[in-house]
Amino acid sequence: MRRVLVAVGVAVMGFAVVGALTDVDFDPIGVVVFLGAVVIAHDLVLMPLVLAAGALIARFVPGAARPAVAVVALCGLALSVVAVSLWAAGP
């Protein structure tokens, strides 16, 4: 099963690279800047928020409810990130 997943992942990445290289509007500098911004946003913004939320959940939520609260919090954060990005982009 793992080999199938690796093969599918490699195929999807290959499709993305070929699509990017054959696109007339492809801007490699823009892609590098975007990927750098994503790494910085993940490491300096998102990860500390997730760690802080996990610490708060571990401190204030009873043991039996922690997994459910953690899943709900993570899903809520993911939904909020998508919603804010769509809202900021405008119509």
Protein backbone atom coordinates (compact mmCIF):
# COMPACT_ATOMS: atom_id res chain seq x y z
CA MET A 1 0.00 0.00 0.00
CA ARG A 2 2.83 2.38 0.83
CA ARG A 3 4.37 1.89 -2.61
CA VAL A 4 1.06 2.71 -4.25
CA LEU A 5 0.76 5.91 -2.22
CA VAL A 6 4.34 6.90 -3.07
CA ALA A 7 3.70 6.22 -6.76
CA VAL A 8 0.53 8.32 -6.72
CA GLY A 9 2.34 11.13 -4.90
CA VAL A 10 5.21 11.12 -7.39
CA ALA A 11 2.76 11.10 -10.30
CA VAL A 12 0.84 14.07 -8.88
CA MET A 13 4.07 16.02 -8.27
CA GLY A 14 5.23 15.21 -11.79
CA PHE A 15 1.92 16.43 -13.18
CA ALA A 16 2.30 19.67 -11.22
CA VAL A 17 5.87 20.26 -12.41
CA VAL A 18 5.02 19.56 -16.05
CA GLY A 19 1.96 21.79 -15.79
CA ALA A 20 3.98 24.61 -14.27
CA LEU A 21 6.80 24.37 -16.79
CA THR A 22 4.45 24.32 -19.78
CA ASP A 23 2.33 27.23 -18.54
CA VAL A 24 3.08 30.49 -20.35
CA ASP A 25 2.41 32.56 -17.21
CA PHE A 26 4.73 30.55 -14.95
CA ASP A 27 6.91 32.77 -12.75
CA PRO A 28 9.61 30.74 -10.97
CA ILE A 29 10.62 33.66 -8.74
CA GLY A 30 7.00 34.10 -7.66
CA VAL A 31 6.73 30.41 -6.83
CA VAL A 32 9.90 30.50 -4.72
CA VAL A 33 8.67 33.62 -2.88
CA PHE A 34 5.28 31.99 -2.27
CA LEU A 35 6.81 28.77 -0.96
CA GLY A 36 9.16 30.74 1.28
CA ALA A 37 6.22 32.72 2.67
CA VAL A 38 4.32 29.50 3.33
CA VAL A 39 7.26 28.01 5.25
CA ILE A 40 7.70 31.19 7.30
CA ALA A 41 3.97 31.45 8.01
CA HIS A 42 3.86 27.82 9.10
CA ASP A 43 6.91 27.95 11.34
CA LEU A 44 6.42 31.40 12.87
CA VAL A 45 2.62 31.76 13.01
CA LEU A 46 0.68 28.53 12.64
CA MET A 47 2.91 26.15 14.61
CA PRO A 48 3.12 28.33 17.76
CA LEU A 49 -0.67 28.75 17.69
CA VAL A 50 -1.20 24.99 17.45
CA LEU A 51 1.29 24.32 20.25
CA ALA A 52 -0.33 26.95 22.47
CA ALA A 53 -3.78 25.52 21.79
CA GLY A 54 -2.51 22.03 22.63
CA ALA A 55 -1.02 23.27 25.89
CA LEU A 56 -4.28 25.01 26.83
CA ILE A 57 -6.30 21.92 25.97
CA ALA A 58 -3.97 19.71 28.03
CA ARG A 59 -4.24 22.08 31.00
CA PHE A 60 -7.96 22.85 31.08
CA VAL A 61 -9.83 19.96 29.39
CA PRO A 62 -10.48 16.71 31.28
CA GLY A 63 -8.52 13.70 30.03
CA ALA A 64 -11.40 11.80 28.42
CA ALA A 65 -12.48 14.79 26.32
CA ARG A 66 -9.02 15.92 25.18
CA PRO A 67 -8.88 14.02 21.87
CA ALA A 68 -12.31 15.25 20.78
CA VAL A 69 -11.58 18.84 21.78
CA ALA A 70 -8.21 18.71 20.02
CA VAL A 71 -9.78 17.43 16.78
CA VAL A 72 -12.51 20.08 16.90
CA ALA A 73 -9.94 22.81 17.55
CA LEU A 74 -7.70 21.64 14.70
CA CYS A 75 -10.62 21.43 12.25
CA GLY A 76 -11.83 24.85 13.35
CA LEU A 77 -8.37 26.32 12.81
CA ALA A 78 -8.09 24.77 9.36
CA LEU A 79 -11.54 26.06 8.40
CA SER A 80 -10.67 29.51 9.71
CA VAL A 81 -7.45 29.65 7.68
CA VAL A 82 -9.34 28.77 4.49
CA ALA A 83 -12.20 31.15 5.27
CA VAL A 84 -9.91 34.08 6.03
CA SER A 85 -7.90 33.53 2.86
CA LEU A 86 -11.08 33.42 0.77
CA TRP A 87 -12.49 36.46 2.58
CA ALA A 88 -9.27 38.44 2.09
CA ALA A 89 -9.20 37.63 -1.63
CA GLY A 90 -12.61 39.24 -2.09
CA PRO A 91 -15.17 38.54 -4.80
